[in-house]
Amino acid sequence: MPATIALVDDDRNILTSVSMTLEQEGFQVRTYTDGESALQGLLARPADLAVLDIKMPRMDGMELLQRLRQRSAMPVVFLTSKDEEVDELMGLRLGADDYITKPFSQRLLLERIRALLRRNEASRNEGSGTPAGGVIVRGDLVLDETKHTCTWKGHDIQLTVTEFLLVKALALRPGMVKNRDQLIDAAYGENIYVDDRTIDSHVKRVRKKFRQADNDFAQIETLYGIGYRYKES
């Protein structure tokens, strides 16, 4: 079955042109012109990935993402304008997996969509270096790749695809420092440019999710100027 992509943007020209490109590449496409209709549609019929504009009528992209994240870990790409740097960071902290700045190359958007879908699929399969059965256990942390689930001290931690892959990369080698470039490769794949601050925003959100379950969570350590490491409990 071809992957289904949801496009949410109040600019009908963007919806039409991007839809044509994606359909030509074999994707199924559903389009929405505002956040409210997108929320209703995506909760009723989830897509494999969503591309969201930030500034939209009736419900902006930020609120839409926040509402979706209460129910879904579906990969999300934000479309932002050049002057929306703060919005980019806020979007990542709310759980977006990636962002692209307008005006954008449709070929670049297509590459990012394919990369996210590959990562989503890979995160559900047993990876190289992963213990048999696709389950990683590090003290109170349990990551199940086949089910794409994460638990900490028995509490379910809802992670996006990017967040899951970041936690996995750190947990596979407890005590070993991973610099930002290594984490970018683990979460986004090679040959994909991502700003360092993107990784920092994802790590902040991961910590926040774990601390909602356990206020004393401190297993992901920052080594300033170097990177991050996982401290096994």
C-alpha atoms as a PDB file:
ATOM      1  CA  MET A   1       0.000   0.000   0.000  1.00  0.00           C
ATOM      2  CA  PRO A   2       1.328   3.464  -0.857  1.00  0.00           C
ATOM      3  CA  ALA A   3       1.937   5.796   2.060  1.00  0.00           C
ATOM      4  CA  THR A   4      -0.703   8.441   2.767  1.00  0.00           C
ATOM      5  CA  ILE A   5       0.489  12.021   3.209  1.00  0.00           C
ATOM      6  CA  ALA A   6      -1.708  14.725   4.769  1.00  0.00           C
ATOM      7  CA  LEU A   7      -1.045  18.275   3.555  1.00  0.00           C
ATOM      8  CA  VAL A   8      -2.406  21.101   5.712  1.00  0.00           C
ATOM      9  CA  ASP A   9      -2.028  24.640   4.365  1.00  0.00           C
ATOM     10  CA  ASP A  10      -4.403  27.520   3.679  1.00  0.00           C
ATOM     11  CA  ASP A  11      -2.510  28.309   0.442  1.00  0.00           C
ATOM     12  CA  ARG A  12      -4.384  26.342  -2.218  1.00  0.00           C
ATOM     13  CA  ASN A  13      -1.582  26.847  -4.737  1.00  0.00           C
ATOM     14  CA  ILE A  14       0.837  25.020  -2.429  1.00  0.00           C
ATOM     15  CA  LEU A  15      -1.709  22.259  -1.813  1.00  0.00           C
ATOM     16  CA  THR A  16      -2.260  21.757  -5.544  1.00  0.00           C
ATOM     17  CA  SER A  17       1.386  21.794  -6.621  1.00  0.00           C
ATOM     18  CA  VAL A  18       2.702  19.648  -3.762  1.00  0.00           C
ATOM     19  CA  SER A  19      -0.180  17.177  -4.129  1.00  0.00           C
ATOM     20  CA  MET A  20       0.611  16.715  -7.819  1.00  0.00           C
ATOM     21  CA  THR A  21       4.280  16.080  -7.066  1.00  0.00           C
ATOM     22  CA  LEU A  22       3.558  13.551  -4.322  1.00  0.00           C
ATOM     23  CA  GLU A  23       0.922  11.725  -6.365  1.00  0.00           C
ATOM     24  CA  GLN A  24       3.338  11.488  -9.287  1.00  0.00           C
ATOM     25  CA  GLU A  25       5.774   9.815  -6.869  1.00  0.00           C
ATOM     26  CA  GLY A  26       3.172   7.228  -5.903  1.00  0.00           C
ATOM     27  CA  PHE A  27       1.857   8.660  -2.633  1.00  0.00           C
ATOM     28  CA  GLN A  28      -1.777   8.972  -1.646  1.00  0.00           C
ATOM     29  CA  VAL A  29      -2.541  12.555  -0.619  1.00  0.00           C
ATOM     30  CA  ARG A  30      -5.246  14.136   1.520  1.00  0.00           C
ATOM     31  CA  THR A  31      -5.445  17.936   1.754  1.00  0.00           C
ATOM     32  CA  TYR A  32      -6.885  20.297   4.361  1.00  0.00           C
ATOM     33  CA  THR A  33      -7.064  24.098   4.290  1.00  0.00           C
ATOM     34  CA  ASP A  34      -7.323  24.740   8.035  1.00  0.00           C
ATOM     35  CA  GLY A  35      -6.335  23.145  11.318  1.00  0.00           C
ATOM     36  CA  GLU A  36      -9.817  22.239  12.543  1.00  0.00           C
ATOM     37  CA  SER A  37     -10.772  20.187   9.492  1.00  0.00           C
ATOM     38  CA  ALA A  38      -7.307  18.581   9.525  1.00  0.00           C
ATOM     39  CA  LEU A  39      -7.672  17.553  13.173  1.00  0.00           C
ATOM     40  CA  GLN A  40     -11.082  15.975  12.558  1.00  0.00           C
ATOM     41  CA  GLY A  41      -9.875  14.219   9.425  1.00  0.00           C
ATOM     42  CA  LEU A  42      -6.618  12.904  10.895  1.00  0.00           C
ATOM     43  CA  LEU A  43      -8.215  11.617  14.072  1.00  0.00           C
ATOM     44  CA  ALA A  44     -10.848   9.803  12.008  1.00  0.00           C
ATOM     45  CA  ARG A  45      -8.407   8.527   9.361  1.00  0.00           C
ATOM     46  CA  PRO A  46      -4.748   8.767  10.417  1.00  0.00           C
ATOM     47  CA  ALA A  47      -2.146   9.382   7.733  1.00  0.00           C
ATOM     48  CA  ASP A  48       1.385   7.970   7.568  1.00  0.00           C
ATOM     49  CA  LEU A  49       2.864  11.496   7.707  1.00  0.00           C
ATOM     50  CA  ALA A  50       1.585  15.073   7.902  1.00  0.00           C
ATOM     51  CA  VAL A  51       2.996  18.298   6.463  1.00  0.00           C
ATOM     52  CA  LEU A  52       1.677  21.297   8.413  1.00  0.00           C
ATOM     53  CA  ASP A  53       1.830  25.011   7.761  1.00  0.00           C
ATOM     54  CA  ILE A  54       2.153  27.094  10.931  1.00  0.00           C
ATOM     55  CA  LYS A  55      -0.061  30.104  10.190  1.00  0.00           C
ATOM     56  CA  MET A  56      -3.574  28.947   9.295  1.00  0.00           C
ATOM     57  CA  PRO A  57      -7.147  30.039  10.082  1.00  0.00           C
ATOM     58  CA  ARG A  58      -9.450  28.367  12.631  1.00  0.00           C
ATOM     59  CA  MET A  59      -6.533  26.500  14.257  1.00  0.00           C
ATOM     60  CA  ASP A  60      -2.853  27.184  13.607  1.00  0.00           C
ATOM     61  CA  GLY A  61      -0.221  24.526  13.033  1.00  0.00           C
ATOM     62  CA  MET A  62       1.123  24.751  16.573  1.00  0.00           C
ATOM     63  CA  GLU A  63      -2.211  23.982  18.191  1.00  0.00           C
ATOM     64  CA  LEU A  64      -2.940  21.288  15.618  1.00  0.00           C
ATOM     65  CA  LEU A  65       0.375  19.579  16.372  1.00  0.00           C
ATOM     66  CA  GLN A  66      -0.231  19.796  20.108  1.00  0.00           C
ATOM     67  CA  ARG A  67      -3.687  18.226  19.731  1.00  0.00           C
ATOM     68  CA  LEU A  68      -2.380  15.491  17.433  1.00  0.00           C
ATOM     69  CA  ARG A  69       0.448  14.610  19.801  1.00  0.00           C
ATOM     70  CA  GLN A  70      -2.103  13.802  22.502  1.00  0.00           C
ATOM     71  CA  ARG A  71      -3.289  10.906  20.329  1.00  0.00           C
ATOM     72  CA  SER A  72      -0.632  10.115  17.757  1.00  0.00           C
ATOM     73  CA  ALA A  73       3.113   9.765  17.145  1.00  0.00           C
ATOM     74  CA  MET A  74       2.620  10.247  13.397  1.00  0.00           C
ATOM     75  CA  PRO A  75       5.671  11.901  11.771  1.00  0.00           C
ATOM     76  CA  VAL A  76       5.137  15.638  11.205  1.00  0.00           C
ATOM     77  CA  VAL A  77       7.007  18.138   9.035  1.00  0.00           C
ATOM     78  CA  PHE A  78       6.441  21.853   9.629  1.00  0.00           C
ATOM     79  CA  LEU A  79       6.475  24.466   6.859  1.00  0.00           C
ATOM     80  CA  THR A  80       7.814  27.778   8.202  1.00  0.00           C
ATOM     81  CA  SER A  81       8.735  31.195   6.834  1.00  0.00           C
ATOM     82  CA  LYS A  82      12.243  32.629   7.019  1.00  0.00           C
ATOM     83  CA  ASP A  83      11.232  35.018   9.811  1.00  0.00           C
ATOM     84  CA  GLU A  84       9.705  32.302  12.003  1.00  0.00           C
ATOM     85  CA  GLU A  85      12.825  31.018  13.794  1.00  0.00           C
ATOM     86  CA  VAL A  86      11.068  31.076  17.167  1.00  0.00           C
ATOM     87  CA  ASP A  87       8.181  29.104  15.674  1.00  0.00           C
ATOM     88  CA  GLU A  88      10.590  26.481  14.345  1.00  0.00           C
ATOM     89  CA  LEU A  89      12.020  25.886  17.812  1.00  0.00           C
ATOM     90  CA  MET A  90       8.583  25.858  19.407  1.00  0.00           C
ATOM     91  CA  GLY A  91       7.363  23.374  16.809  1.00  0.00           C
ATOM     92  CA  LEU A  92      10.237  21.014  17.552  1.00  0.00           C
ATOM     93  CA  ARG A  93       9.586  21.297  21.279  1.00  0.00           C
ATOM     94  CA  LEU A  94       5.938  20.437  20.698  1.00  0.00           C
ATOM     95  CA  GLY A  95       6.952  17.292  18.860  1.00  0.00           C
ATOM     96  CA  ALA A  96       7.510  18.052  15.178  1.00  0.00           C
ATOM     97  CA  ASP A  97      10.023  15.716  13.542  1.00  0.00           C
ATOM     98  CA  ASP A  98      11.396  18.144  10.975  1.00  0.00           C
ATOM     99  CA  TYR A  99      10.809  21.544   9.395  1.00  0.00           C
ATOM    100  CA  ILE A 100      11.360  23.157   5.999  1.00  0.00           C
ATOM    101  CA  THR A 101      11.567  26.886   5.353  1.00  0.00           C
ATOM    102  CA  LYS A 102       9.420  28.574   2.696  1.00  0.00           C
ATOM    103  CA  PRO A 103       9.972  29.086  -0.171  1.00  0.00           C
ATOM    104  CA  PHE A 104      11.043  25.456  -0.464  1.00  0.00           C
ATOM    105  CA  SER A 105      12.110  23.030  -3.149  1.00  0.00           C
ATOM    106  CA  GLN A 106       9.504  20.339  -3.672  1.00  0.00           C
ATOM    107  CA  ARG A 107      12.348  17.914  -4.308  1.00  0.00           C
ATOM    108  CA  LEU A 108      13.748  18.729  -0.846  1.00  0.00           C
ATOM    109  CA  LEU A 109      10.330  18.210   0.748  1.00  0.00           C
ATOM    110  CA  LEU A 110      10.034  14.880  -1.053  1.00  0.00           C
ATOM    111  CA  GLU A 111      13.454  13.792   0.253  1.00  0.00           C
ATOM    112  CA  ARG A 112      12.514  14.746   3.823  1.00  0.00           C
ATOM    113  CA  ILE A 113       9.202  12.881   3.578  1.00  0.00           C
ATOM    114  CA  ARG A 114      10.903   9.756   2.284  1.00  0.00           C
ATOM    115  CA  ALA A 115      13.588   9.972   4.964  1.00  0.00           C
ATOM    116  CA  LEU A 116      10.974  10.261   7.733  1.00  0.00           C
ATOM    117  CA  LEU A 117       8.953   7.360   6.370  1.00  0.00           C
ATOM    118  CA  ARG A 118      12.111   5.216   6.163  1.00  0.00           C
ATOM    119  CA  ARG A 119      12.992   6.112   9.754  1.00  0.00           C
ATOM    120  CA  ASN A 120       9.474   5.341  10.904  1.00  0.00           C
ATOM    121  CA  GLU A 121       9.645   1.921   9.266  1.00  0.00           C
ATOM    122  CA  ALA A 122      13.172   1.246  10.509  1.00  0.00           C
ATOM    123  CA  SER A 123      12.243   2.156  14.075  1.00  0.00           C
ATOM    124  CA  ARG A 124       9.640  -0.623  14.010  1.00  0.00           C
ATOM    125  CA  ASN A 125      12.084  -3.232  12.754  1.00  0.00           C
ATOM    126  CA  GLU A 126      14.963  -4.831  14.516  1.00  0.00           C
ATOM    127  CA  GLY A 127      18.103  -2.801  13.842  1.00  0.00           C
ATOM    128  CA  SER A 128      21.736  -3.871  13.713  1.00  0.00           C
ATOM    129  CA  GLY A 129      23.286  -4.036  17.166  1.00  0.00           C
ATOM    130  CA  THR A 130      19.878  -4.414  18.794  1.00  0.00           C
ATOM    131  CA  PRO A 131      19.305  -7.351  21.126  1.00  0.00           C
ATOM    132  CA  ALA A 132      17.238 -10.284  19.845  1.00  0.00           C
ATOM    133  CA  GLY A 133      13.548  -9.534  19.647  1.00  0.00           C
ATOM    134  CA  GLY A 134      14.059  -5.832  19.004  1.00  0.00           C
ATOM    135  CA  VAL A 135      13.845  -4.966  22.725  1.00  0.00           C
ATOM    136  CA  ILE A 136      16.440  -2.799  24.472  1.00  0.00           C
ATOM    137  CA  VAL A 137      16.484  -2.873  28.274  1.00  0.00           C
ATOM    138  CA  ARG A 138      18.636  -0.412  30.188  1.00  0.00           C
ATOM    139  CA  GLY A 139      17.707  -0.532  33.856  1.00  0.00           C
ATOM    140  CA  ASP A 140      14.235   1.031  34.124  1.00  0.00           C
ATOM    141  CA  LEU A 141      14.155   1.884  30.412  1.00  0.00           C
ATOM    142  CA  VAL A 142      12.539  -0.512  27.931  1.00  0.00           C
ATOM    143  CA  LEU A 143      12.459   0.239  24.200  1.00  0.00           C
ATOM    144  CA  ASP A 144      10.532  -2.131  21.935  1.00  0.00           C
ATOM    145  CA  GLU A 145      11.353  -1.431  18.311  1.00  0.00           C
ATOM    146  CA  THR A 146       8.819  -3.814  16.817  1.00  0.00           C
ATOM    147  CA  LYS A 147       5.980  -2.092  18.692  1.00  0.00           C
ATOM    148  CA  HIS A 148       7.604   1.367  18.734  1.00  0.00           C
ATOM    149  CA  THR A 149       6.985   1.637  22.475  1.00  0.00           C
ATOM    150  CA  CYS A 150       9.009   3.117  25.314  1.00  0.00           C
ATOM    151  CA  THR A 151       8.476   2.625  29.024  1.00  0.00           C
ATOM    152  CA  TRP A 152      10.272   4.068  32.046  1.00  0.00           C
ATOM    153  CA  LYS A 153       9.662   2.425  35.425  1.00  0.00           C
ATOM    154  CA  GLY A 154       6.553   0.870  33.934  1.00  0.00           C
ATOM    155  CA  HIS A 155       5.157   4.172  32.654  1.00  0.00           C
ATOM    156  CA  ASP A 156       4.408   4.530  28.938  1.00  0.00           C
ATOM    157  CA  ILE A 157       6.425   7.347  27.332  1.00  0.00           C
ATOM    158  CA  GLN A 158       4.884   8.507  24.063  1.00  0.00           C
ATOM    159  CA  LEU A 159       7.747   9.349  21.691  1.00  0.00           C
ATOM    160  CA  THR A 160       7.743  10.589  18.119  1.00  0.00           C
ATOM    161  CA  VAL A 161       9.821   8.729  15.527  1.00  0.00           C
ATOM    162  CA  THR A 162      12.713  11.179  15.899  1.00  0.00           C
ATOM    163  CA  GLU A 163      12.597  11.080  19.695  1.00  0.00           C
ATOM    164  CA  PHE A 164      12.483   7.269  19.729  1.00  0.00           C
ATOM    165  CA  LEU A 165      15.535   7.021  17.475  1.00  0.00           C
ATOM    166  CA  LEU A 166      17.467   9.540  19.596  1.00  0.00           C
ATOM    167  CA  VAL A 167      16.747   7.631  22.804  1.00  0.00           C
ATOM    168  CA  LYS A 168      17.665   4.369  21.083  1.00  0.00           C
ATOM    169  CA  ALA A 169      20.995   5.779  19.814  1.00  0.00           C
ATOM    170  CA  LEU A 170      21.938   6.893  23.324  1.00  0.00           C
ATOM    171  CA  ALA A 171      20.641   3.800  25.130  1.00  0.00           C
ATOM    172  CA  LEU A 172      22.450   1.353  22.849  1.00  0.00           C
ATOM    173  CA  ARG A 173      25.794   2.596  24.214  1.00  0.00           C
ATOM    174  CA  PRO A 174      25.342   3.674  27.846  1.00  0.00           C
ATOM    175  CA  GLY A 175      28.123   5.937  29.085  1.00  0.00           C
ATOM    176  CA  MET A 176      29.376   6.668  25.566  1.00  0.00           C
ATOM    177  CA  VAL A 177      29.169  10.280  24.445  1.00  0.00           C
ATOM    178  CA  LYS A 178      27.295  10.929  21.199  1.00  0.00           C
ATOM    179  CA  ASN A 179      27.996  14.245  19.534  1.00  0.00           C
ATOM    180  CA  ARG A 180      25.237  16.089  17.697  1.00  0.00           C
ATOM    181  CA  ASP A 181      26.403  14.937  14.260  1.00  0.00           C
ATOM    182  CA  GLN A 182      26.177  11.304  15.380  1.00  0.00           C
ATOM    183  CA  LEU A 183      22.699  11.868  16.775  1.00  0.00           C
ATOM    184  CA  ILE A 184      21.616  13.615  13.577  1.00  0.00           C
ATOM    185  CA  ASP A 185      22.781  10.592  11.561  1.00  0.00           C
ATOM    186  CA  ALA A 186      20.980   8.221  13.946  1.00  0.00           C
ATOM    187  CA  ALA A 187      17.709  10.132  13.901  1.00  0.00           C
ATOM    188  CA  TYR A 188      17.635  11.589  10.394  1.00  0.00           C
ATOM    189  CA  GLY A 189      19.989   9.440   8.344  1.00  0.00           C
ATOM    190  CA  GLU A 190      23.139  10.452   6.541  1.00  0.00           C
ATOM    191  CA  ASN A 191      23.243  13.254   3.971  1.00  0.00           C
ATOM    192  CA  ILE A 192      20.373  15.141   5.652  1.00  0.00           C
ATOM    193  CA  TYR A 193      21.324  18.597   6.930  1.00  0.00           C
ATOM    194  CA  VAL A 194      19.823  19.456  10.319  1.00  0.00           C
ATOM    195  CA  ASP A 195      20.848  22.361  12.527  1.00  0.00           C
ATOM    196  CA  ASP A 196      22.390  21.467  15.911  1.00  0.00           C
ATOM    197  CA  ARG A 197      19.618  23.305  17.733  1.00  0.00           C
ATOM    198  CA  THR A 198      17.132  20.821  16.291  1.00  0.00           C
ATOM    199  CA  ILE A 199      18.767  17.982  18.245  1.00  0.00           C
ATOM    200  CA  ASP A 200      18.883  20.133  21.393  1.00  0.00           C
ATOM    201  CA  SER A 201      15.153  20.860  21.071  1.00  0.00           C
ATOM    202  CA  HIS A 202      14.341  17.170  20.638  1.00  0.00           C
ATOM    203  CA  VAL A 203      16.424  16.232  23.693  1.00  0.00           C
ATOM    204  CA  LYS A 204      14.662  18.878  25.809  1.00  0.00           C
ATOM    205  CA  ARG A 205      11.297  17.466  24.802  1.00  0.00           C
ATOM    206  CA  VAL A 206      12.399  13.888  25.518  1.00  0.00           C
ATOM    207  CA  ARG A 207      13.556  14.870  29.003  1.00  0.00           C
ATOM    208  CA  LYS A 208      10.275  16.667  29.637  1.00  0.00           C
ATOM    209  CA  LYS A 209       8.290  13.550  28.687  1.00  0.00           C
ATOM    210  CA  PHE A 210      10.316  11.301  30.975  1.00  0.00           C
ATOM    211  CA  ARG A 211      10.089  13.791  33.847  1.00  0.00           C
ATOM    212  CA  GLN A 212       6.319  13.854  33.542  1.00  0.00           C
ATOM    213  CA  ALA A 213       6.502  10.184  34.559  1.00  0.00           C
ATOM    214  CA  ASP A 214       9.443  10.542  36.947  1.00  0.00           C
ATOM    215  CA  ASN A 215      10.505  13.955  38.194  1.00  0.00           C
ATOM    216  CA  ASP A 216      13.945  12.583  39.130  1.00  0.00           C
ATOM    217  CA  PHE A 217      14.772  11.332  35.619  1.00  0.00           C
ATOM    218  CA  ALA A 218      18.363  12.354  34.845  1.00  0.00           C
ATOM    219  CA  GLN A 219      19.641   9.574  32.597  1.00  0.00           C
ATOM    220  CA  ILE A 220      20.280  11.768  29.537  1.00  0.00           C
ATOM    221  CA  GLU A 221      23.278  13.888  30.417  1.00  0.00           C
ATOM    222  CA  THR A 222      24.573  16.944  28.566  1.00  0.00           C
ATOM    223  CA  LEU A 223      28.311  17.364  28.059  1.00  0.00           C
ATOM    224  CA  TYR A 224      28.496  20.998  27.064  1.00  0.00           C
ATOM    225  CA  GLY A 225      30.347  21.572  23.822  1.00  0.00           C
ATOM    226  CA  ILE A 226      30.512  17.823  23.151  1.00  0.00           C
ATOM    227  CA  GLY A 227      27.118  16.137  23.072  1.00  0.00           C
ATOM    228  CA  TYR A 228      24.941  13.787  25.105  1.00  0.00           C
ATOM    229  CA  ARG A 229      25.177  10.392  26.799  1.00  0.00           C
ATOM    230  CA  TYR A 230      22.855   7.938  28.487  1.00  0.00           C
ATOM    231  CA  LYS A 231      23.606   7.057  32.113  1.00  0.00           C
ATOM    232  CA  GLU A 232      22.268   3.616  32.940  1.00  0.00           C
ATOM    233  CA  SER A 233      20.361   3.505  36.235  1.00  0.00           C
END
